C-alpha atoms as a PDB file:
ATOM      1  CA  GLN A   1      22.149  25.573   9.369  1.00  0.00           C
ATOM      2  CA  ARG A   2      19.021  26.651   7.480  1.00  0.00           C
ATOM      3  CA  SER A   3      15.597  25.951   9.013  1.00  0.00           C
ATOM      4  CA  LEU A   4      11.975  25.811   8.018  1.00  0.00           C
ATOM      5  CA  ASP A   5       8.869  26.267  10.173  1.00  0.00           C
ATOM      6  CA  ALA A   6       6.832  23.135  10.899  1.00  0.00           C
ATOM      7  CA  ALA A   7       3.809  22.505   8.696  1.00  0.00           C
ATOM      8  CA  PRO A   8       1.506  19.479   8.262  1.00  0.00           C
ATOM      9  CA  ALA A   9       2.749  16.878   5.800  1.00  0.00           C
ATOM     10  CA  ARG A  10       0.859  16.369   2.551  1.00  0.00           C
ATOM     11  CA  ALA A  11      -1.511  13.419   2.346  1.00  0.00           C
ATOM     12  CA  ARG A  12      -0.462  10.474   0.218  1.00  0.00           C
ATOM     13  CA  THR A  13      -1.873  10.268  -3.309  1.00  0.00           C
ATOM     14  CA  ARG A  14      -1.394   7.189  -5.486  1.00  0.00           C
ATOM     15  CA  THR A  15      -1.045   7.150  -9.245  1.00  0.00           C
ATOM     16  CA  LEU A  16      -4.178   7.789 -11.322  1.00  0.00           C
ATOM     17  CA  ASP A  17      -4.286   4.315 -12.818  1.00  0.00           C
ATOM     18  CA  PRO A  18      -7.782   3.182 -13.963  1.00  0.00           C
ATOM     19  CA  SER A  19      -6.761  -0.461 -14.285  1.00  0.00           C
ATOM     20  CA  PRO A  20      -8.014  -2.830 -11.534  1.00  0.00           C
ATOM     21  CA  ASN A  21      -4.507  -4.188 -11.005  1.00  0.00           C
ATOM     22  CA  PRO A  22      -2.028  -1.352 -11.452  1.00  0.00           C
ATOM     23  CA  GLU A  23       1.659  -2.053 -11.702  1.00  0.00           C
ATOM     24  CA  PRO A  24       3.494  -1.786  -8.374  1.00  0.00           C
ATOM     25  CA  GLN A  25       4.795   1.731  -7.730  1.00  0.00           C
ATOM     26  CA  ALA A  26       8.412   0.768  -7.640  1.00  0.00           C
ATOM     27  CA  PRO A  27      11.846   2.404  -7.695  1.00  0.00           C
ATOM     28  CA  LEU A  28      13.380  -0.631  -9.410  1.00  0.00           C
ATOM     29  CA  ALA A  29      12.389  -3.072 -12.090  1.00  0.00           C
ATOM     30  CA  ALA A  30      12.388  -6.775 -11.373  1.00  0.00           C
ATOM     31  CA  ALA A  31      15.144  -7.434 -13.924  1.00  0.00           C
ATOM     32  CA  GLY A  32      17.810  -9.724 -12.552  1.00  0.00           C
ATOM     33  CA  ALA A  33      15.571 -11.303  -9.923  1.00  0.00           C
ATOM     34  CA  GLY A  34      16.332 -14.735 -11.342  1.00  0.00           C
ATOM     35  CA  GLU A  35      14.287 -17.896 -11.125  1.00  0.00           C
ATOM     36  CA  ALA A  36      12.875 -19.236  -7.881  1.00  0.00           C
ATOM     37  CA  ALA A  37      13.973 -22.766  -8.696  1.00  0.00           C
ATOM     38  CA  GLY A  38      15.290 -24.671  -5.723  1.00  0.00           C
ATOM     39  CA  MET A  39      13.119 -22.868  -3.178  1.00  0.00           C
ATOM     40  CA  GLU A  40      10.638 -25.647  -2.708  1.00  0.00           C
ATOM     41  CA  GLY A  41      11.534 -28.623  -0.620  1.00  0.00           C
ATOM     42  CA  ALA A  42      12.706 -29.362   2.850  1.00  0.00           C
ATOM     43  CA  HIS A  43      14.109 -25.925   3.627  1.00  0.00           C
ATOM     44  CA  GLY A  44      12.372 -23.865   6.323  1.00  0.00           C
ATOM     45  CA  PRO A  45      10.396 -20.759   5.309  1.00  0.00           C
ATOM     46  CA  GLU A  46      13.045 -18.276   6.480  1.00  0.00           C
ATOM     47  CA  THR A  47      15.774 -20.102   4.503  1.00  0.00           C
ATOM     48  CA  GLN A  48      13.581 -20.170   1.373  1.00  0.00           C
ATOM     49  CA  LEU A  49      12.837 -16.465   1.615  1.00  0.00           C
ATOM     50  CA  LEU A  50      16.472 -15.582   2.196  1.00  0.00           C
ATOM     51  CA  PHE A  51      17.304 -17.628  -0.894  1.00  0.00           C
ATOM     52  CA  PHE A  52      14.771 -15.534  -2.822  1.00  0.00           C
ATOM     53  CA  ALA A  53      16.348 -12.357  -1.403  1.00  0.00           C
ATOM     54  CA  SER A  54      19.772 -13.492  -2.663  1.00  0.00           C
ATOM     55  CA  LEU A  55      18.388 -13.432  -6.244  1.00  0.00           C
ATOM     56  CA  LEU A  56      17.380  -9.756  -6.087  1.00  0.00           C
ATOM     57  CA  PRO A  57      19.374  -6.666  -6.990  1.00  0.00           C
ATOM     58  CA  ARG A  58      21.295  -5.197  -4.049  1.00  0.00           C
ATOM     59  CA  HIS A  59      18.757  -2.506  -3.089  1.00  0.00           C
ATOM     60  CA  GLU A  60      15.824  -4.902  -2.841  1.00  0.00           C
ATOM     61  CA  ARG A  61      17.975  -7.688  -1.410  1.00  0.00           C
ATOM     62  CA  ALA A  62      18.791  -5.643   1.726  1.00  0.00           C
ATOM     63  CA  MET A  63      15.151  -4.676   2.216  1.00  0.00           C
ATOM     64  CA  CYS A  64      13.897  -8.232   1.605  1.00  0.00           C
ATOM     65  CA  LYS A  65      16.299  -9.644   4.191  1.00  0.00           C
ATOM     66  CA  GLU A  66      15.066  -7.055   6.736  1.00  0.00           C
ATOM     67  CA  MET A  67      11.470  -8.059   5.984  1.00  0.00           C
ATOM     68  CA  VAL A  68      12.311 -11.748   6.430  1.00  0.00           C
ATOM     69  CA  LEU A  69      13.951 -11.075   9.781  1.00  0.00           C
ATOM     70  CA  ASP A  70      10.899  -8.998  10.799  1.00  0.00           C
ATOM     71  CA  GLY A  71       8.588 -11.922   9.978  1.00  0.00           C
ATOM     72  CA  ASP A  72       6.699 -10.004   7.300  1.00  0.00           C
ATOM     73  CA  LYS A  73       3.285 -11.674   6.796  1.00  0.00           C
ATOM     74  CA  THR A  74       3.011 -10.722   3.100  1.00  0.00           C
ATOM     75  CA  LEU A  75       6.166 -12.685   2.288  1.00  0.00           C
ATOM     76  CA  GLU A  76       4.957 -15.630   4.331  1.00  0.00           C
ATOM     77  CA  ALA A  77       1.628 -15.628   2.444  1.00  0.00           C
ATOM     78  CA  ALA A  78       3.510 -15.529  -0.870  1.00  0.00           C
ATOM     79  CA  LEU A  79       5.621 -18.484   0.214  1.00  0.00           C
ATOM     80  CA  GLU A  80       2.510 -20.492   1.110  1.00  0.00           C
ATOM     81  CA  GLN A  81       1.320 -19.955  -2.482  1.00  0.00           C
ATOM     82  CA  LEU A  82       4.607 -21.359  -3.806  1.00  0.00           C
ATOM     83  CA  ASN A  83       4.549 -24.392  -1.521  1.00  0.00           C
ATOM     84  CA  ASP A  84       0.877 -25.086  -2.272  1.00  0.00           C
ATOM     85  CA  ASP A  85       1.099 -25.382  -6.013  1.00  0.00           C
ATOM     86  CA  GLY A  86       4.608 -24.550  -7.124  1.00  0.00           C
ATOM     87  CA  ALA A  87       3.386 -21.326  -8.718  1.00  0.00           C
ATOM     88  CA  ARG A  88       6.774 -19.607  -9.023  1.00  0.00           C
ATOM     89  CA  GLY A  89       5.362 -16.719 -11.076  1.00  0.00           C
ATOM     90  CA  VAL A  90       2.688 -15.951  -8.503  1.00  0.00           C
ATOM     91  CA  PHE A  91       5.185 -16.160  -5.655  1.00  0.00           C
ATOM     92  CA  LYS A  92       7.674 -13.853  -7.398  1.00  0.00           C
ATOM     93  CA  ALA A  93       4.965 -11.309  -8.212  1.00  0.00           C
ATOM     94  CA  MET A  94       3.650 -11.280  -4.630  1.00  0.00           C
ATOM     95  CA  ALA A  95       7.028 -11.345  -2.898  1.00  0.00           C
ATOM     96  CA  LEU A  96       8.721  -8.789  -5.160  1.00  0.00           C
ATOM     97  CA  GLY A  97       5.677  -6.525  -4.956  1.00  0.00           C
ATOM     98  CA  ALA A  98       5.856  -6.614  -1.166  1.00  0.00           C
ATOM     99  CA  VAL A  99       9.586  -5.820  -1.186  1.00  0.00           C
ATOM    100  CA  ILE A 100       9.179  -2.978  -3.669  1.00  0.00           C
ATOM    101  CA  GLU A 101       6.355  -1.440  -1.667  1.00  0.00           C
ATOM    102  CA  ARG A 102       8.503  -1.514   1.447  1.00  0.00           C
ATOM    103  CA  VAL A 103      11.404   0.129  -0.410  1.00  0.00           C
ATOM    104  CA  VAL A 104       9.140   2.943  -1.682  1.00  0.00           C
ATOM    105  CA  ASP A 105       7.577   3.452   1.747  1.00  0.00           C
ATOM    106  CA  HIS A 106      11.051   3.585   3.321  1.00  0.00           C
ATOM    107  CA  ALA A 107      12.074   6.279   0.836  1.00  0.00           C
ATOM    108  CA  HIS A 108       8.767   8.149   1.325  1.00  0.00           C
ATOM    109  CA  LYS A 109       9.250   8.327   5.102  1.00  0.00           C
ATOM    110  CA  ALA A 110      12.684   9.857   4.566  1.00  0.00           C
ATOM    111  CA  TYR A 111      11.191  12.266   2.013  1.00  0.00           C
ATOM    112  CA  GLU A 112       8.540  13.410   4.496  1.00  0.00           C
ATOM    113  CA  ARG A 113      11.208  13.993   7.167  1.00  0.00           C
ATOM    114  CA  ILE A 114      13.344  15.992   4.743  1.00  0.00           C
ATOM    115  CA  PHE A 115      10.430  18.244   3.726  1.00  0.00           C
ATOM    116  CA  THR A 116       8.919  18.795   7.185  1.00  0.00           C
ATOM    117  CA  GLY A 117       7.775  22.426   7.244  1.00  0.00           C
ATOM    118  CA  LEU A 118       7.796  22.695   3.472  1.00  0.00           C
ATOM    119  CA  ASP A 119       4.378  21.724   2.196  1.00  0.00           C
ATOM    120  CA  THR A 120       2.846  22.955  -1.067  1.00  0.00           C
ATOM    121  CA  ASP A 121       1.370  26.137   0.396  1.00  0.00           C
ATOM    122  CA  THR A 122       4.665  27.072   1.997  1.00  0.00           C
ATOM    123  CA  GLY A 123       6.415  26.470  -1.342  1.00  0.00           C
ATOM    124  CA  LYS A 124       3.964  28.791  -3.059  1.00  0.00           C
ATOM    125  CA  ASP A 125       4.667  31.510  -0.500  1.00  0.00           C
ATOM    126  CA  ILE A 126       8.432  31.117  -0.945  1.00  0.00           C
ATOM    127  CA  ALA A 127       7.979  31.315  -4.721  1.00  0.00           C
ATOM    128  CA  GLU A 128       5.891  34.509  -4.464  1.00  0.00           C
ATOM    129  CA  ALA A 129       8.629  36.104  -2.351  1.00  0.00           C
ATOM    130  CA  GLY A 130      11.159  35.161  -5.014  1.00  0.00           C
ATOM    131  CA  LYS A 131       9.059  36.589  -7.844  1.00  0.00           C
ATOM    132  CA  ALA A 132       8.691  39.880  -5.940  1.00  0.00           C
ATOM    133  CA  ALA A 133      12.457  40.375  -6.270  1.00  0.00           C
ATOM    134  CA  LEU A 134      12.462  39.926 -10.078  1.00  0.00           C
ATOM    135  CA  PRO A 135      11.987  42.715 -12.633  1.00  0.00           C
ATOM    136  CA  GLN A 136       8.594  42.752 -14.343  1.00  0.00           C
ATOM    137  CA  GLU A 137       9.937  41.549 -17.669  1.00  0.00           C
ATOM    138  CA  GLN A 138      11.158  38.287 -16.106  1.00  0.00           C
ATOM    139  CA  LEU A 139       7.772  37.375 -14.628  1.00  0.00           C
ATOM    140  CA  GLY A 140       5.447  35.004 -16.461  1.00  0.00           C
ATOM    141  CA  PRO A 141       3.328  31.834 -16.228  1.00  0.00           C
ATOM    142  CA  ALA A 142       6.427  29.611 -16.259  1.00  0.00           C
ATOM    143  CA  LEU A 143       7.130  30.706 -12.662  1.00  0.00           C
ATOM    144  CA  VAL A 144       3.806  29.334 -11.357  1.00  0.00           C
ATOM    145  CA  TYR A 145       4.645  26.965  -8.486  1.00  0.00           C
ATOM    146  CA  GLY A 146       3.637  23.283  -8.512  1.00  0.00           C
ATOM    147  CA  GLU A 147       4.982  20.092  -6.944  1.00  0.00           C
ATOM    148  CA  ILE A 148       5.242  16.445  -7.765  1.00  0.00           C
ATOM    149  CA  ASP A 149       3.320  13.728  -5.960  1.00  0.00           C
ATOM    150  CA  PHE A 150       5.932  11.360  -4.504  1.00  0.00           C
ATOM    151  CA  PHE A 151       4.231   8.092  -5.494  1.00  0.00           C
ATOM    152  CA  SER A 152       3.333   9.284  -8.997  1.00  0.00           C
ATOM    153  CA  PHE A 153       6.893  10.416  -9.511  1.00  0.00           C
ATOM    154  CA  ALA A 154       8.234   7.089  -8.266  1.00  0.00           C
ATOM    155  CA  THR A 155       6.212   5.346 -10.936  1.00  0.00           C
ATOM    156  CA  LEU A 156       7.426   7.750 -13.648  1.00  0.00           C
ATOM    157  CA  LEU A 157      11.052   7.180 -12.651  1.00  0.00           C
ATOM    158  CA  GLU A 158      10.579   3.460 -12.679  1.00  0.00           C
ATOM    159  CA  LYS A 159       9.253   3.627 -16.221  1.00  0.00           C
ATOM    160  CA  ALA A 160      12.251   5.718 -17.281  1.00  0.00           C
ATOM    161  CA  HIS A 161      14.483   2.755 -16.253  1.00  0.00           C
ATOM    162  CA  PRO A 162      17.397   4.514 -14.550  1.00  0.00           C
ATOM    163  CA  ARG A 163      20.725   2.735 -15.017  1.00  0.00           C
ATOM    164  CA  GLU A 164      23.852   2.685 -12.884  1.00  0.00           C
ATOM    165  CA  GLY A 165      26.018   5.784 -13.248  1.00  0.00           C
ATOM    166  CA  GLU A 166      23.394   7.964 -14.953  1.00  0.00           C
ATOM    167  CA  ILE A 167      22.620  11.569 -14.101  1.00  0.00           C
ATOM    168  CA  PHE A 168      19.151  12.943 -13.251  1.00  0.00           C
ATOM    169  CA  VAL A 169      18.354  16.648 -13.859  1.00  0.00           C
ATOM    170  CA  ASP A 170      15.196  18.588 -12.910  1.00  0.00           C
ATOM    171  CA  LEU A 171      14.713  21.747 -14.958  1.00  0.00           C
ATOM    172  CA  GLY A 172      12.852  24.144 -12.636  1.00  0.00           C
ATOM    173  CA  SER A 173      13.403  22.235  -9.443  1.00  0.00           C
ATOM    174  CA  GLY A 174      11.605  24.493  -6.950  1.00  0.00           C
ATOM    175  CA  THR A 175      12.246  23.395  -3.397  1.00  0.00           C
ATOM    176  CA  GLY A 176      13.991  20.262  -4.637  1.00  0.00           C
ATOM    177  CA  LYS A 177      11.262  17.664  -4.186  1.00  0.00           C
ATOM    178  CA  ALA A 178      11.792  15.793  -7.448  1.00  0.00           C
ATOM    179  CA  VAL A 179      15.592  15.898  -7.030  1.00  0.00           C
ATOM    180  CA  VAL A 180      15.398  14.500  -3.500  1.00  0.00           C
ATOM    181  CA  ALA A 181      12.830  11.842  -4.515  1.00  0.00           C
ATOM    182  CA  ALA A 182      15.076  10.689  -7.360  1.00  0.00           C
ATOM    183  CA  ALA A 183      18.064  10.480  -4.996  1.00  0.00           C
ATOM    184  CA  LEU A 184      16.106   8.564  -2.323  1.00  0.00           C
ATOM    185  CA  LEU A 185      14.560   6.098  -4.783  1.00  0.00           C
ATOM    186  CA  TYR A 186      17.540   5.650  -7.142  1.00  0.00           C
ATOM    187  CA  GLY A 187      20.521   6.875  -5.157  1.00  0.00           C
ATOM    188  CA  HIS A 188      22.154   3.499  -5.765  1.00  0.00           C
ATOM    189  CA  ARG A 189      21.878   4.012  -9.547  1.00  0.00           C
ATOM    190  CA  PHE A 190      22.085   7.733 -10.271  1.00  0.00           C
ATOM    191  CA  SER A 191      25.609   9.027  -9.782  1.00  0.00           C
ATOM    192  CA  LYS A 192      24.259  12.544  -9.493  1.00  0.00           C
ATOM    193  CA  CYS A 193      20.827  14.202  -8.996  1.00  0.00           C
ATOM    194  CA  VAL A 194      20.722  17.826 -10.056  1.00  0.00           C
ATOM    195  CA  GLY A 195      18.158  20.608  -9.635  1.00  0.00           C
ATOM    196  CA  ILE A 196      18.152  23.923 -11.518  1.00  0.00           C
ATOM    197  CA  GLU A 197      15.896  26.736 -10.174  1.00  0.00           C
ATOM    198  CA  ILE A 198      15.778  30.401 -11.254  1.00  0.00           C
ATOM    199  CA  LEU A 199      14.047  31.845  -8.102  1.00  0.00           C
ATOM    200  CA  HIS A 200      16.621  32.391  -5.440  1.00  0.00           C
ATOM    201  CA  THR A 201      14.162  31.896  -2.562  1.00  0.00           C
ATOM    202  CA  LEU A 202      13.184  28.465  -3.869  1.00  0.00           C
ATOM    203  CA  PHE A 203      16.858  27.653  -4.470  1.00  0.00           C
ATOM    204  CA  GLU A 204      17.609  28.537  -0.817  1.00  0.00           C
ATOM    205  CA  ALA A 205      14.794  26.228   0.309  1.00  0.00           C
ATOM    206  CA  SER A 206      16.233  23.428  -1.848  1.00  0.00           C
ATOM    207  CA  LEU A 207      19.577  23.859  -0.053  1.00  0.00           C
ATOM    208  CA  VAL A 208      17.768  23.173   3.235  1.00  0.00           C
ATOM    209  CA  ALA A 209      16.363  19.965   1.733  1.00  0.00           C
ATOM    210  CA  ALA A 210      19.799  19.035   0.379  1.00  0.00           C
ATOM    211  CA  GLU A 211      21.325  19.370   3.848  1.00  0.00           C
ATOM    212  CA  ARG A 212      18.611  17.156   5.324  1.00  0.00           C
ATOM    213  CA  TYR A 213      19.090  14.628   2.503  1.00  0.00           C
ATOM    214  CA  GLN A 214      22.762  14.385   3.334  1.00  0.00           C
ATOM    215  CA  ALA A 215      21.830  13.393   6.936  1.00  0.00           C
ATOM    216  CA  GLU A 216      19.308  10.827   5.683  1.00  0.00           C
ATOM    217  CA  ASP A 217      21.756   9.652   3.048  1.00  0.00           C
ATOM    218  CA  ARG A 218      24.371   8.690   5.623  1.00  0.00           C
ATOM    219  CA  SER A 219      21.920   6.377   7.379  1.00  0.00           C
ATOM    220  CA  ILE A 220      20.702   4.905   4.061  1.00  0.00           C
ATOM    221  CA  ALA A 221      24.256   4.311   2.890  1.00  0.00           C
ATOM    222  CA  THR A 222      25.036   2.518   6.143  1.00  0.00           C
ATOM    223  CA  PHE A 223      21.911   0.390   5.830  1.00  0.00           C
ATOM    224  CA  TYR A 224      22.553  -0.633   2.235  1.00  0.00           C
ATOM    225  CA  ALA A 225      26.383  -0.572   2.511  1.00  0.00           C
ATOM    226  CA  GLU A 226      26.723   1.318  -0.774  1.00  0.00           C
ATOM    227  CA  LYS A 227      27.681   4.715  -2.185  1.00  0.00           C
ATOM    228  CA  ARG A 228      24.679   6.960  -2.715  1.00  0.00           C
ATOM    229  CA  SER A 229      23.874   9.653  -5.314  1.00  0.00           C
ATOM    230  CA  ASP A 230      25.464  13.097  -5.108  1.00  0.00           C
ATOM    231  CA  LEU A 231      22.724  15.756  -4.860  1.00  0.00           C
ATOM    232  CA  ARG A 232      23.390  19.224  -6.321  1.00  0.00           C
ATOM    233  CA  CYS A 233      21.192  22.360  -6.529  1.00  0.00           C
ATOM    234  CA  TYR A 234      21.960  25.311  -8.834  1.00  0.00           C
ATOM    235  CA  CYS A 235      20.416  28.751  -8.986  1.00  0.00           C
ATOM    236  CA  GLY A 236      20.117  29.729 -12.650  1.00  0.00           C
ATOM    237  CA  ASP A 237      18.090  29.723 -15.837  1.00  0.00           C
ATOM    238  CA  LEU A 238      17.089  26.252 -17.079  1.00  0.00           C
ATOM    239  CA  LEU A 239      18.079  27.411 -20.580  1.00  0.00           C
ATOM    240  CA  GLU A 240      21.676  27.782 -19.495  1.00  0.00           C
ATOM    241  CA  GLU A 241      23.575  24.689 -20.671  1.00  0.00           C
ATOM    242  CA  VAL A 242      26.434  25.126 -18.214  1.00  0.00           C
ATOM    243  CA  LEU A 243      25.963  25.890 -14.491  1.00  0.00           C
ATOM    244  CA  LEU A 244      29.027  26.316 -12.318  1.00  0.00           C
ATOM    245  CA  ASP A 245      29.834  25.673  -8.685  1.00  0.00           C
ATOM    246  CA  GLU A 246      32.933  25.101  -6.571  1.00  0.00           C
ATOM    247  CA  ASP A 247      33.293  21.559  -7.959  1.00  0.00           C
ATOM    248  CA  GLY A 248      33.160  22.618 -11.599  1.00  0.00           C
ATOM    249  CA  GLY A 249      29.408  22.496 -12.285  1.00  0.00           C
ATOM    250  CA  ILE A 250      27.449  20.653 -14.954  1.00  0.00           C
ATOM    251  CA  ASN A 251      26.618  20.911 -18.636  1.00  0.00           C
ATOM    252  CA  TRP A 252      23.211  19.273 -18.459  1.00  0.00           C
ATOM    253  CA  THR A 253      22.604  18.977 -22.219  1.00  0.00           C
ATOM    254  CA  ARG A 254      25.778  16.872 -22.539  1.00  0.00           C
ATOM    255  CA  GLU A 255      25.692  14.968 -19.255  1.00  0.00           C
ATOM    256  CA  ALA A 256      22.050  14.313 -18.302  1.00  0.00           C
ATOM    257  CA  ASP A 257      20.511  10.898 -18.896  1.00  0.00           C
ATOM    258  CA  VAL A 258      17.087  11.410 -17.319  1.00  0.00           C
ATOM    259  CA  VAL A 259      15.577  14.918 -17.433  1.00  0.00           C
ATOM    260  CA  PHE A 260      12.346  16.011 -15.676  1.00  0.00           C
ATOM    261  CA  VAL A 261      10.442  19.136 -16.754  1.00  0.00           C
ATOM    262  CA  ASN A 262       7.180  20.291 -15.205  1.00  0.00           C
ATOM    263  CA  ALA A 263       6.046  22.168 -18.344  1.00  0.00           C
ATOM    264  CA  THR A 264       2.414  22.663 -17.246  1.00  0.00           C
ATOM    265  CA  CYS A 265       2.583  26.453 -17.354  1.00  0.00           C
ATOM    266  CA  PHE A 266       5.343  26.876 -19.949  1.00  0.00           C
ATOM    267  CA  PRO A 267       4.418  29.270 -22.787  1.00  0.00           C
ATOM    268  CA  ASN A 268       5.022  28.112 -26.355  1.00  0.00           C
ATOM    269  CA  GLU A 269       8.249  30.119 -26.772  1.00  0.00           C
ATOM    270  CA  LEU A 270       9.831  28.632 -23.657  1.00  0.00           C
ATOM    271  CA  MET A 271       8.696  25.102 -24.536  1.00  0.00           C
ATOM    272  CA  ASP A 272      10.285  25.454 -27.989  1.00  0.00           C
ATOM    273  CA  LYS A 273      13.575  26.569 -26.438  1.00  0.00           C
ATOM    274  CA  VAL A 274      13.586  23.669 -23.943  1.00  0.00           C
ATOM    275  CA  THR A 275      12.891  21.245 -26.826  1.00  0.00           C
ATOM    276  CA  VAL A 276      15.886  22.589 -28.759  1.00  0.00           C
ATOM    277  CA  GLN A 277      18.072  22.224 -25.644  1.00  0.00           C
ATOM    278  CA  CYS A 278      16.888  18.612 -25.110  1.00  0.00           C
ATOM    279  CA  GLU A 279      17.759  17.759 -28.708  1.00  0.00           C
ATOM    280  CA  ALA A 280      21.395  18.086 -27.658  1.00  0.00           C
ATOM    281  CA  LEU A 281      21.035  15.224 -25.184  1.00  0.00           C
ATOM    282  CA  LYS A 282      22.811  11.969 -25.920  1.00  0.00           C
ATOM    283  CA  PRO A 283      20.962   9.176 -27.728  1.00  0.00           C
ATOM    284  CA  GLY A 284      19.050   7.014 -25.265  1.00  0.00           C
ATOM    285  CA  ALA A 285      18.423   9.869 -22.847  1.00  0.00           C
ATOM    286  CA  ARG A 286      14.860  10.033 -21.408  1.00  0.00           C
ATOM    287  CA  VAL A 287      12.900  13.246 -20.858  1.00  0.00           C
ATOM    288  CA  ILE A 288       9.818  13.260 -18.628  1.00  0.00           C
ATOM    289  CA  THR A 289       7.519  16.235 -19.147  1.00  0.00           C
ATOM    290  CA  LEU A 290       4.242  17.149 -17.540  1.00  0.00           C
ATOM    291  CA  THR A 291       1.205  18.446 -19.535  1.00  0.00           C
ATOM    292  CA  ARG A 292       3.228  19.341 -22.670  1.00  0.00           C
ATOM    293  CA  SER A 293       5.357  17.063 -24.847  1.00  0.00           C
ATOM    294  CA  LEU A 294       8.494  17.769 -26.798  1.00  0.00           C
ATOM    295  CA  ASP A 295       7.579  18.555 -30.410  1.00  0.00           C
ATOM    296  CA  SER A 296      10.636  17.072 -32.040  1.00  0.00           C
ATOM    297  CA  SER A 297      11.441  14.277 -34.473  1.00  0.00           C
ATOM    298  CA  GLU A 298      14.544  13.551 -32.361  1.00  0.00           C
ATOM    299  CA  PHE A 299      12.340  11.975 -29.682  1.00  0.00           C
ATOM    300  CA  SER A 300       9.831   9.189 -29.567  1.00  0.00           C
ATOM    301  CA  VAL A 301       7.091   9.191 -26.906  1.00  0.00           C
ATOM    302  CA  ILE A 302       7.244   5.870 -25.080  1.00  0.00           C
ATOM    303  CA  GLU A 303       4.464   6.662 -22.636  1.00  0.00           C
ATOM    304  CA  ARG A 304       1.600   9.139 -22.283  1.00  0.00           C
ATOM    305  CA  LYS A 305      -0.465   8.745 -19.139  1.00  0.00           C
ATOM    306  CA  GLN A 306      -2.253  10.825 -16.462  1.00  0.00           C
ATOM    307  CA  TYR A 307      -0.822  11.054 -12.938  1.00  0.00           C
ATOM    308  CA  ALA A 308      -1.772  12.911  -9.733  1.00  0.00           C
ATOM    309  CA  MET A 309       0.298  15.987  -8.881  1.00  0.00           C
ATOM    310  CA  SER A 310      -0.131  18.757  -6.289  1.00  0.00           C
ATOM    311  CA  TRP A 311      -2.468  20.798  -8.494  1.00  0.00           C
ATOM    312  CA  GLY A 312      -4.511  17.805  -9.727  1.00  0.00           C
ATOM    313  CA  PRO A 313      -4.171  15.284 -12.559  1.00  0.00           C
ATOM    314  CA  ALA A 314      -1.490  15.980 -15.191  1.00  0.00           C
ATOM    315  CA  THR A 315      -0.541  14.130 -18.376  1.00  0.00           C
ATOM    316  CA  ALA A 316       3.020  12.844 -18.207  1.00  0.00           C
ATOM    317  CA  TYR A 317       5.073  12.126 -21.332  1.00  0.00           C
ATOM    318  CA  ILE A 318       8.177   9.972 -21.288  1.00  0.00           C
ATOM    319  CA  HIS A 319      10.376  10.693 -24.340  1.00  0.00           C
ATOM    320  CA  LEU A 320      13.292   8.653 -25.608  1.00  0.00           C
ATOM    321  CA  ARG A 321      16.114  10.440 -27.502  1.00  0.00           C
ATOM    322  CA  ARG A 322      16.558   8.710 -30.839  1.00  0.00           C
ATOM    323  CA  GLY A 323      19.901   7.827 -32.323  1.00  0.00           C
END
């Protein structure tokens, strides 16, 4: 078993959204929630809320039922709104928002447990140790260490609209924080979450996180009664299309559906090479980049917005592969 020394957890940071009513930071869209018709009437509040839960996708349904049984006050307040004036839209927004927030918080607590002892400063130290082992010609700004903010990343993933059976890949995955976050938030949709990291020391740290994720994953799978995402970490160059392991490996340019690239410190030459690699992705694939966008006619930018990350605000681009 690998281990990490204890270190204080990072403080929460929410998305940099200037709007007075930002969208809920959610791992799932509300699609498929259905209408709330039939909820009003003689049924008791618990029955009405359980009926609402039955209309939700499986992940939110399990969490909503737990909240109902816990007597969650936010759900009760939403139900009062529905019974007062029949405002189904208001009820659905309030209730679904409460459920989504609980789901994200549930995943965040697991994320914090997994990365106990591996805060940003520790990650930087591990990265520096890895760079010390590389020849001078391989060093450069692309190896500067930086981390996602969990809540910002949750919002980005939600806007990328993961679908069942898809594969998530993080190019330059560091200690595995984005990979683990994707698996915790969308483990019921992504069939596989993959991280690729060139520094061996960071790769080893990501294996620690992967082991801890597997322990968390067993409890999550039991709670939701569903198969969860397979999490894989590879030590290699992100420009390598094929990475091998004992189970065969992955060709990310052919298999990935959602790709994340923290390109904040990428030089022009590397960014151009990553763009060419991403052009080989299947039509409909989504690529999330930080600070720099893909300069390619093969992609359309569906969102450009600033989010909080470990080093400060960063502009995130969500690209859609044309075709």
